Amino acid sequence: MNNDQKVWVIIPAAGIGKRMQSSIPKQYFKIDNKTILEHTLNCFKSHEEIAGIIVVLNSDDFYWKTIQNNLLSMSKPVYTVEGGTERSDSVMQGIDYLLMVERINNNSWIMVHDAARPCLLKKDIDALLSIRNKPSAGGILASPVRDTMKRAAPHSNNISETESRDNLWHALTPQLFRIGELKEALVHCLEKGIQVTDEASALEAVGKPVVLIEGSSNNIKVTQKDDLEIATLLLTSPGFFNEIKES
């Protein structure tokens, strides 16, 4: 596969992780002597269809320089750009970098992946990449909701109703789109004041079809301290580590 057909990955890492109540951004917490961000980057390290990675950093991020030497063994380029206030701003910065510096065209596919999702399996990347042959604007990894869903009353922890879990999915990352369509959708949402919670929501706002690809529920986002414990168990398990690298 030539470089024009390969997919670039954008990793927004400009967040400061307020929910972890720590002075250290969550992506720099360590598991088995590596930061979460390093584990996340390693998920793409050897994938033959990945061209390179753009990591979007906070302007005040001084942690990156402590790990960048550890990435010299990466077989793919890893570039950094400065992010914005919101996630969508950071993704736009990554898109603009690719369009200007790497000069990829608007029809090229890109993935956006959370910095704090270090347990991504290669087989799930492969499954997501397979949608490039389908008639959709893009797709996301997701897992079906399995638990009973309750809605709380406004400003209360009291249950107001039970929601049907039929057709409900947990949105995961990576999310895969053509770079031109994603940029157009993000610009539209910015101009119209539409809240963008993930890249798929931007495509949904402009009426573009997005496919759900079922992925592993182990693809957790480290947001709370409990998540860190689960990610540690997974990433220190030899069997699971092999699944990250192999289909």
C-alpha atoms as a PDB file:
ATOM      1  CA  MET A   1       0.000   0.000   0.000  1.00  0.00           C
ATOM      2  CA  ASN A   2       1.432   3.403  -0.985  1.00  0.00           C
ATOM      3  CA  ASN A   3       1.463   6.413   1.321  1.00  0.00           C
ATOM      4  CA  ASP A   4      -1.397   8.127  -0.532  1.00  0.00           C
ATOM      5  CA  GLN A   5      -3.713   5.280   0.470  1.00  0.00           C
ATOM      6  CA  LYS A   6      -2.625   5.103   4.092  1.00  0.00           C
ATOM      7  CA  VAL A   7      -4.547   6.703   6.959  1.00  0.00           C
ATOM      8  CA  TRP A   8      -3.271   9.421   9.282  1.00  0.00           C
ATOM      9  CA  VAL A   9      -4.261   9.432  12.956  1.00  0.00           C
ATOM     10  CA  ILE A  10      -5.077  12.584  14.922  1.00  0.00           C
ATOM     11  CA  ILE A  11      -4.858  12.271  18.702  1.00  0.00           C
ATOM     12  CA  PRO A  12      -6.316  15.240  20.617  1.00  0.00           C
ATOM     13  CA  ALA A  13      -4.242  15.434  23.806  1.00  0.00           C
ATOM     14  CA  ALA A  14      -4.791  19.027  24.887  1.00  0.00           C
ATOM     15  CA  GLY A  15      -7.106  18.154  27.792  1.00  0.00           C
ATOM     16  CA  ILE A  16      -6.042  18.556  31.397  1.00  0.00           C
ATOM     17  CA  GLY A  17      -8.160  15.734  32.878  1.00  0.00           C
ATOM     18  CA  LYS A  18     -10.188  17.646  35.469  1.00  0.00           C
ATOM     19  CA  ARG A  19     -12.276  14.599  36.379  1.00  0.00           C
ATOM     20  CA  MET A  20      -9.194  12.756  37.607  1.00  0.00           C
ATOM     21  CA  GLN A  21      -8.614  15.627  40.080  1.00  0.00           C
ATOM     22  CA  SER A  22      -4.894  15.522  39.457  1.00  0.00           C
ATOM     23  CA  SER A  23      -2.294  18.118  38.605  1.00  0.00           C
ATOM     24  CA  ILE A  24      -0.969  15.735  35.932  1.00  0.00           C
ATOM     25  CA  PRO A  25      -3.050  15.343  32.743  1.00  0.00           C
ATOM     26  CA  LYS A  26      -4.470  11.817  32.661  1.00  0.00           C
ATOM     27  CA  GLN A  27      -2.662  10.912  29.437  1.00  0.00           C
ATOM     28  CA  TYR A  28       0.628  11.185  31.338  1.00  0.00           C
ATOM     29  CA  PHE A  29      -0.306   8.800  34.143  1.00  0.00           C
ATOM     30  CA  LYS A  30       1.998   5.789  34.021  1.00  0.00           C
ATOM     31  CA  ILE A  31       1.126   2.140  33.558  1.00  0.00           C
ATOM     32  CA  ASP A  32       4.000  -0.351  33.605  1.00  0.00           C
ATOM     33  CA  ASN A  33       6.605   2.448  33.273  1.00  0.00           C
ATOM     34  CA  LYS A  34       4.954   4.003  30.222  1.00  0.00           C
ATOM     35  CA  THR A  35       2.524   6.890  30.074  1.00  0.00           C
ATOM     36  CA  ILE A  36      -1.023   6.236  28.913  1.00  0.00           C
ATOM     37  CA  LEU A  37      -0.272   8.372  25.857  1.00  0.00           C
ATOM     38  CA  GLU A  38       2.705   6.173  24.953  1.00  0.00           C
ATOM     39  CA  HIS A  39       0.527   3.068  25.222  1.00  0.00           C
ATOM     40  CA  THR A  40      -2.046   4.766  22.980  1.00  0.00           C
ATOM     41  CA  LEU A  41       0.560   5.658  20.363  1.00  0.00           C
ATOM     42  CA  ASN A  42       1.866   2.090  20.438  1.00  0.00           C
ATOM     43  CA  CYS A  43      -1.559   0.820  19.314  1.00  0.00           C
ATOM     44  CA  PHE A  44      -0.786   2.315  15.904  1.00  0.00           C
ATOM     45  CA  LYS A  45       2.969   1.748  15.936  1.00  0.00           C
ATOM     46  CA  SER A  46       3.201  -1.254  13.645  1.00  0.00           C
ATOM     47  CA  HIS A  47      -0.076  -1.083  11.718  1.00  0.00           C
ATOM     48  CA  GLU A  48       0.725  -1.334   8.031  1.00  0.00           C
ATOM     49  CA  GLU A  49      -2.117   0.989   6.945  1.00  0.00           C
ATOM     50  CA  ILE A  50      -1.239   3.894   9.255  1.00  0.00           C
ATOM     51  CA  ALA A  51       0.896   6.629   7.650  1.00  0.00           C
ATOM     52  CA  GLY A  52       1.667   8.636  10.775  1.00  0.00           C
ATOM     53  CA  ILE A  53       0.276  10.342  13.861  1.00  0.00           C
ATOM     54  CA  ILE A  54      -0.498  13.953  14.777  1.00  0.00           C
ATOM     55  CA  VAL A  55      -0.596  14.570  18.536  1.00  0.00           C
ATOM     56  CA  VAL A  56      -2.407  17.802  19.413  1.00  0.00           C
ATOM     57  CA  LEU A  57      -1.026  19.278  22.644  1.00  0.00           C
ATOM     58  CA  ASN A  58      -1.969  21.993  25.110  1.00  0.00           C
ATOM     59  CA  SER A  59       0.188  25.108  24.766  1.00  0.00           C
ATOM     60  CA  ASP A  60       1.283  24.643  28.389  1.00  0.00           C
ATOM     61  CA  ASP A  61       2.141  20.957  27.999  1.00  0.00           C
ATOM     62  CA  PHE A  62       5.681  20.411  29.284  1.00  0.00           C
ATOM     63  CA  TYR A  63       5.198  16.665  29.852  1.00  0.00           C
ATOM     64  CA  TRP A  64       5.510  15.763  26.164  1.00  0.00           C
ATOM     65  CA  LYS A  65       9.225  16.482  26.092  1.00  0.00           C
ATOM     66  CA  THR A  66       9.723  13.909  28.846  1.00  0.00           C
ATOM     67  CA  ILE A  67       8.437  11.109  26.599  1.00  0.00           C
ATOM     68  CA  GLN A  68       9.317  12.205  23.063  1.00  0.00           C
ATOM     69  CA  ASN A  69      12.719  10.503  23.151  1.00  0.00           C
ATOM     70  CA  ASN A  70      10.917   7.249  23.957  1.00  0.00           C
ATOM     71  CA  LEU A  71       9.155   7.535  20.591  1.00  0.00           C
ATOM     72  CA  LEU A  72      12.309   7.501  18.483  1.00  0.00           C
ATOM     73  CA  SER A  73      11.781   3.803  17.844  1.00  0.00           C
ATOM     74  CA  MET A  74       8.385   4.463  16.244  1.00  0.00           C
ATOM     75  CA  SER A  75       8.419   3.279  12.644  1.00  0.00           C
ATOM     76  CA  LYS A  76       6.053   6.100  11.659  1.00  0.00           C
ATOM     77  CA  PRO A  77       6.320   9.885  11.925  1.00  0.00           C
ATOM     78  CA  VAL A  78       4.824  11.435  15.053  1.00  0.00           C
ATOM     79  CA  TYR A  79       4.225  15.186  14.773  1.00  0.00           C
ATOM     80  CA  THR A  80       2.842  17.655  17.309  1.00  0.00           C
ATOM     81  CA  VAL A  81       0.691  20.755  16.876  1.00  0.00           C
ATOM     82  CA  GLU A  82      -0.826  23.135  19.406  1.00  0.00           C
ATOM     83  CA  GLY A  83      -4.470  22.532  20.236  1.00  0.00           C
ATOM     84  CA  GLY A  84      -7.413  24.774  21.002  1.00  0.00           C
ATOM     85  CA  THR A  85      -9.944  25.314  23.754  1.00  0.00           C
ATOM     86  CA  GLU A  86     -12.339  22.548  22.735  1.00  0.00           C
ATOM     87  CA  ARG A  87     -11.744  19.066  21.345  1.00  0.00           C
ATOM     88  CA  SER A  88     -13.151  20.137  17.972  1.00  0.00           C
ATOM     89  CA  ASP A  89     -10.652  23.028  17.858  1.00  0.00           C
ATOM     90  CA  SER A  90      -7.799  20.595  18.433  1.00  0.00           C
ATOM     91  CA  VAL A  91      -9.046  18.224  15.742  1.00  0.00           C
ATOM     92  CA  MET A  92      -9.258  21.176  13.326  1.00  0.00           C
ATOM     93  CA  GLN A  93      -5.647  22.054  14.116  1.00  0.00           C
ATOM     94  CA  GLY A  94      -4.608  18.525  13.252  1.00  0.00           C
ATOM     95  CA  ILE A  95      -6.630  18.587  10.034  1.00  0.00           C
ATOM     96  CA  ASP A  96      -5.124  21.916   8.948  1.00  0.00           C
ATOM     97  CA  TYR A  97      -1.640  20.564   9.610  1.00  0.00           C
ATOM     98  CA  LEU A  98      -2.224  17.533   7.413  1.00  0.00           C
ATOM     99  CA  LEU A  99      -3.770  19.547   4.593  1.00  0.00           C
ATOM    100  CA  MET A 100      -1.004  22.144   4.611  1.00  0.00           C
ATOM    101  CA  VAL A 101       2.159  20.296   5.621  1.00  0.00           C
ATOM    102  CA  GLU A 102       1.545  16.740   4.424  1.00  0.00           C
ATOM    103  CA  ARG A 103      -0.596  17.995   1.523  1.00  0.00           C
ATOM    104  CA  ILE A 104      -3.001  15.094   1.677  1.00  0.00           C
ATOM    105  CA  ASN A 105      -6.144  15.593  -0.397  1.00  0.00           C
ATOM    106  CA  ASN A 106      -9.702  16.086   0.842  1.00  0.00           C
ATOM    107  CA  ASN A 107     -10.688  12.517  -0.030  1.00  0.00           C
ATOM    108  CA  SER A 108      -8.010  10.973   2.186  1.00  0.00           C
ATOM    109  CA  TRP A 109      -9.208   9.108   5.267  1.00  0.00           C
ATOM    110  CA  ILE A 110      -8.168  10.087   8.785  1.00  0.00           C
ATOM    111  CA  MET A 111      -8.782   8.559  12.200  1.00  0.00           C
ATOM    112  CA  VAL A 112      -9.355  10.526  15.384  1.00  0.00           C
ATOM    113  CA  HIS A 113      -8.553   8.651  18.589  1.00  0.00           C
ATOM    114  CA  ASP A 114      -8.701   9.641  22.260  1.00  0.00           C
ATOM    115  CA  ALA A 115      -5.328  10.104  23.940  1.00  0.00           C
ATOM    116  CA  ALA A 116      -6.575   8.227  27.007  1.00  0.00           C
ATOM    117  CA  ARG A 117      -7.759   5.064  25.202  1.00  0.00           C
ATOM    118  CA  PRO A 118      -4.655   2.872  25.450  1.00  0.00           C
ATOM    119  CA  CYS A 119      -6.381  -0.519  25.100  1.00  0.00           C
ATOM    120  CA  LEU A 120      -7.270  -0.425  21.407  1.00  0.00           C
ATOM    121  CA  LEU A 121      -6.971  -3.778  19.614  1.00  0.00           C
ATOM    122  CA  LYS A 122      -5.488  -4.185  16.142  1.00  0.00           C
ATOM    123  CA  LYS A 123      -8.456  -6.251  15.003  1.00  0.00           C
ATOM    124  CA  ASP A 124     -10.746  -3.321  15.859  1.00  0.00           C
ATOM    125  CA  ILE A 125      -8.594  -0.930  13.817  1.00  0.00           C
ATOM    126  CA  ASP A 126      -8.845  -3.402  10.925  1.00  0.00           C
ATOM    127  CA  ALA A 127     -12.632  -3.636  11.277  1.00  0.00           C
ATOM    128  CA  LEU A 128     -12.992   0.139  11.229  1.00  0.00           C
ATOM    129  CA  LEU A 129     -10.718   0.541   8.206  1.00  0.00           C
ATOM    130  CA  SER A 130     -12.876  -1.942   6.294  1.00  0.00           C
ATOM    131  CA  ILE A 131     -15.715   0.610   6.002  1.00  0.00           C
ATOM    132  CA  ARG A 132     -13.726   2.553   3.421  1.00  0.00           C
ATOM    133  CA  ASN A 133     -15.309   0.268   0.847  1.00  0.00           C
ATOM    134  CA  LYS A 134     -18.859   1.023   2.028  1.00  0.00           C
ATOM    135  CA  PRO A 135     -21.216   3.861   0.973  1.00  0.00           C
ATOM    136  CA  SER A 136     -21.000   5.960   4.128  1.00  0.00           C
ATOM    137  CA  ALA A 137     -19.381   9.215   5.212  1.00  0.00           C
ATOM    138  CA  GLY A 138     -17.425   7.300   7.827  1.00  0.00           C
ATOM    139  CA  GLY A 139     -17.694   5.128  10.870  1.00  0.00           C
ATOM    140  CA  ILE A 140     -16.858   4.744  14.529  1.00  0.00           C
ATOM    141  CA  LEU A 141     -16.013   1.936  16.888  1.00  0.00           C
ATOM    142  CA  ALA A 142     -18.829   1.399  19.369  1.00  0.00           C
ATOM    143  CA  SER A 143     -20.177  -1.157  21.828  1.00  0.00           C
ATOM    144  CA  PRO A 144     -23.858  -2.016  22.372  1.00  0.00           C
ATOM    145  CA  VAL A 145     -25.388  -0.870  25.659  1.00  0.00           C
ATOM    146  CA  ARG A 146     -25.897  -3.934  27.849  1.00  0.00           C
ATOM    147  CA  ASP A 147     -27.037  -2.409  31.131  1.00  0.00           C
ATOM    148  CA  THR A 148     -30.447  -1.073  32.077  1.00  0.00           C
ATOM    149  CA  MET A 149     -30.424   2.677  31.427  1.00  0.00           C
ATOM    150  CA  LYS A 150     -31.931   5.113  33.935  1.00  0.00           C
ATOM    151  CA  ARG A 151     -32.604   8.823  33.397  1.00  0.00           C
ATOM    152  CA  ALA A 152     -32.325  11.058  36.462  1.00  0.00           C
ATOM    153  CA  ALA A 153     -34.711  13.883  37.185  1.00  0.00           C
ATOM    154  CA  PRO A 154     -33.246  17.363  36.548  1.00  0.00           C
ATOM    155  CA  HIS A 155     -30.883  18.505  39.331  1.00  0.00           C
ATOM    156  CA  SER A 156     -31.483  15.268  41.222  1.00  0.00           C
ATOM    157  CA  ASN A 157     -30.253  11.695  41.609  1.00  0.00           C
ATOM    158  CA  ASN A 158     -33.833  10.440  41.687  1.00  0.00           C
ATOM    159  CA  ILE A 159     -34.850   8.215  38.779  1.00  0.00           C
ATOM    160  CA  SER A 160     -37.330   9.887  36.452  1.00  0.00           C
ATOM    161  CA  GLU A 161     -37.664   6.985  34.002  1.00  0.00           C
ATOM    162  CA  THR A 162     -36.083   3.863  32.573  1.00  0.00           C
ATOM    163  CA  GLU A 163     -34.792   4.226  29.032  1.00  0.00           C
ATOM    164  CA  SER A 164     -34.967   1.438  26.488  1.00  0.00           C
ATOM    165  CA  ARG A 165     -31.490   0.202  25.640  1.00  0.00           C
ATOM    166  CA  ASP A 166     -32.653  -1.013  22.237  1.00  0.00           C
ATOM    167  CA  ASN A 167     -30.437   0.435  19.511  1.00  0.00           C
ATOM    168  CA  LEU A 168     -28.259   2.291  22.043  1.00  0.00           C
ATOM    169  CA  TRP A 169     -24.480   2.149  21.661  1.00  0.00           C
ATOM    170  CA  HIS A 170     -21.500   3.508  23.569  1.00  0.00           C
ATOM    171  CA  ALA A 171     -19.468   5.636  21.171  1.00  0.00           C
ATOM    172  CA  LEU A 172     -15.765   4.760  21.212  1.00  0.00           C
ATOM    173  CA  THR A 173     -12.758   5.799  19.176  1.00  0.00           C
ATOM    174  CA  PRO A 174     -11.083   5.714  16.712  1.00  0.00           C
ATOM    175  CA  GLN A 175     -13.571   7.469  14.453  1.00  0.00           C
ATOM    176  CA  LEU A 176     -12.830   7.407  10.721  1.00  0.00           C
ATOM    177  CA  PHE A 177     -13.812   9.997   8.102  1.00  0.00           C
ATOM    178  CA  ARG A 178     -12.625  11.622   4.908  1.00  0.00           C
ATOM    179  CA  ILE A 179     -10.652  14.659   5.946  1.00  0.00           C
ATOM    180  CA  GLY A 180     -12.530  17.112   3.716  1.00  0.00           C
ATOM    181  CA  GLU A 181     -15.976  16.000   4.892  1.00  0.00           C
ATOM    182  CA  LEU A 182     -14.953  16.085   8.544  1.00  0.00           C
ATOM    183  CA  LYS A 183     -13.516  19.596   8.243  1.00  0.00           C
ATOM    184  CA  GLU A 184     -16.622  20.833   6.438  1.00  0.00           C
ATOM    185  CA  ALA A 185     -18.873  19.368   9.147  1.00  0.00           C
ATOM    186  CA  LEU A 186     -16.806  20.836  11.987  1.00  0.00           C
ATOM    187  CA  VAL A 187     -16.832  24.289  10.373  1.00  0.00           C
ATOM    188  CA  HIS A 188     -20.614  24.049   9.939  1.00  0.00           C
ATOM    189  CA  CYS A 189     -21.112  23.192  13.617  1.00  0.00           C
ATOM    190  CA  LEU A 190     -18.851  26.032  14.709  1.00  0.00           C
ATOM    191  CA  GLU A 191     -20.718  28.559  12.571  1.00  0.00           C
ATOM    192  CA  LYS A 192     -24.137  27.330  13.754  1.00  0.00           C
ATOM    193  CA  GLY A 193     -23.146  27.000  17.416  1.00  0.00           C
ATOM    194  CA  ILE A 194     -23.829  23.247  17.414  1.00  0.00           C
ATOM    195  CA  GLN A 195     -22.169  21.345  20.259  1.00  0.00           C
ATOM    196  CA  VAL A 196     -19.742  18.693  19.024  1.00  0.00           C
ATOM    197  CA  THR A 197     -19.110  15.913  21.536  1.00  0.00           C
ATOM    198  CA  ASP A 198     -17.282  13.670  19.082  1.00  0.00           C
ATOM    199  CA  GLU A 199     -16.444  13.746  15.397  1.00  0.00           C
ATOM    200  CA  ALA A 200     -19.450  11.595  14.475  1.00  0.00           C
ATOM    201  CA  SER A 201     -21.809  14.192  15.969  1.00  0.00           C
ATOM    202  CA  ALA A 202     -20.446  16.773  13.517  1.00  0.00           C
ATOM    203  CA  LEU A 203     -21.193  14.488  10.550  1.00  0.00           C
ATOM    204  CA  GLU A 204     -24.629  13.729  11.998  1.00  0.00           C
ATOM    205  CA  ALA A 205     -25.341  17.477  12.162  1.00  0.00           C
ATOM    206  CA  VAL A 206     -24.899  17.818   8.405  1.00  0.00           C
ATOM    207  CA  GLY A 207     -26.955  14.710   7.639  1.00  0.00           C
ATOM    208  CA  LYS A 208     -24.107  12.382   6.654  1.00  0.00           C
ATOM    209  CA  PRO A 209     -24.461   8.631   7.397  1.00  0.00           C
ATOM    210  CA  VAL A 210     -22.021   7.221   9.953  1.00  0.00           C
ATOM    211  CA  VAL A 211     -21.623   3.461  10.471  1.00  0.00           C
ATOM    212  CA  LEU A 212     -21.345   1.802  13.875  1.00  0.00           C
ATOM    213  CA  ILE A 213     -18.635  -0.879  13.982  1.00  0.00           C
ATOM    214  CA  GLU A 214     -18.797  -3.109  17.044  1.00  0.00           C
ATOM    215  CA  GLY A 215     -15.492  -3.090  18.898  1.00  0.00           C
ATOM    216  CA  SER A 216     -14.140  -4.494  22.119  1.00  0.00           C
ATOM    217  CA  SER A 217     -15.656  -3.125  25.323  1.00  0.00           C
ATOM    218  CA  ASN A 218     -12.115  -3.237  26.735  1.00  0.00           C
ATOM    219  CA  ASN A 219     -11.376  -0.138  24.646  1.00  0.00           C
ATOM    220  CA  ILE A 220     -11.976   2.025  27.704  1.00  0.00           C
ATOM    221  CA  LYS A 221     -11.253   5.707  28.131  1.00  0.00           C
ATOM    222  CA  VAL A 222      -9.295   6.495  31.282  1.00  0.00           C
ATOM    223  CA  THR A 223     -11.442   9.190  32.862  1.00  0.00           C
ATOM    224  CA  GLN A 224     -11.896   8.108  36.469  1.00  0.00           C
ATOM    225  CA  LYS A 225      -9.521   6.387  38.887  1.00  0.00           C
ATOM    226  CA  ASP A 226     -11.414   3.095  38.452  1.00  0.00           C
ATOM    227  CA  ASP A 227     -10.665   3.243  34.716  1.00  0.00           C
ATOM    228  CA  LEU A 228      -6.966   3.543  35.464  1.00  0.00           C
ATOM    229  CA  GLU A 229      -7.097   0.358  37.534  1.00  0.00           C
ATOM    230  CA  ILE A 230      -8.867  -1.554  34.745  1.00  0.00           C
ATOM    231  CA  ALA A 231      -6.462  -0.267  32.081  1.00  0.00           C
ATOM    232  CA  THR A 232      -3.536  -1.307  34.267  1.00  0.00           C
ATOM    233  CA  LEU A 233      -4.885  -4.852  34.578  1.00  0.00           C
ATOM    234  CA  LEU A 234      -5.405  -5.094  30.819  1.00  0.00           C
ATOM    235  CA  LEU A 235      -2.101  -3.585  29.710  1.00  0.00           C
ATOM    236  CA  THR A 236      -0.052  -5.694  32.109  1.00  0.00           C
ATOM    237  CA  SER A 237      -1.688  -8.907  30.911  1.00  0.00           C
ATOM    238  CA  PRO A 238       0.632 -10.606  28.365  1.00  0.00           C
ATOM    239  CA  GLY A 239      -2.293 -12.101  26.473  1.00  0.00           C
ATOM    240  CA  PHE A 240      -4.062  -8.780  26.057  1.00  0.00           C
ATOM    241  CA  PHE A 241      -0.852  -7.013  25.053  1.00  0.00           C
ATOM    242  CA  ASN A 242      -0.464  -9.498  22.196  1.00  0.00           C
ATOM    243  CA  GLU A 243      -4.033  -8.729  21.056  1.00  0.00           C
ATOM    244  CA  ILE A 244      -3.106  -5.053  20.739  1.00  0.00           C
ATOM    245  CA  LYS A 245      -0.327  -5.944  18.323  1.00  0.00           C
ATOM    246  CA  GLU A 246      -1.944  -8.799  16.416  1.00  0.00           C
ATOM    247  CA  SER A 247      -5.192  -9.464  14.612  1.00  0.00           C
END
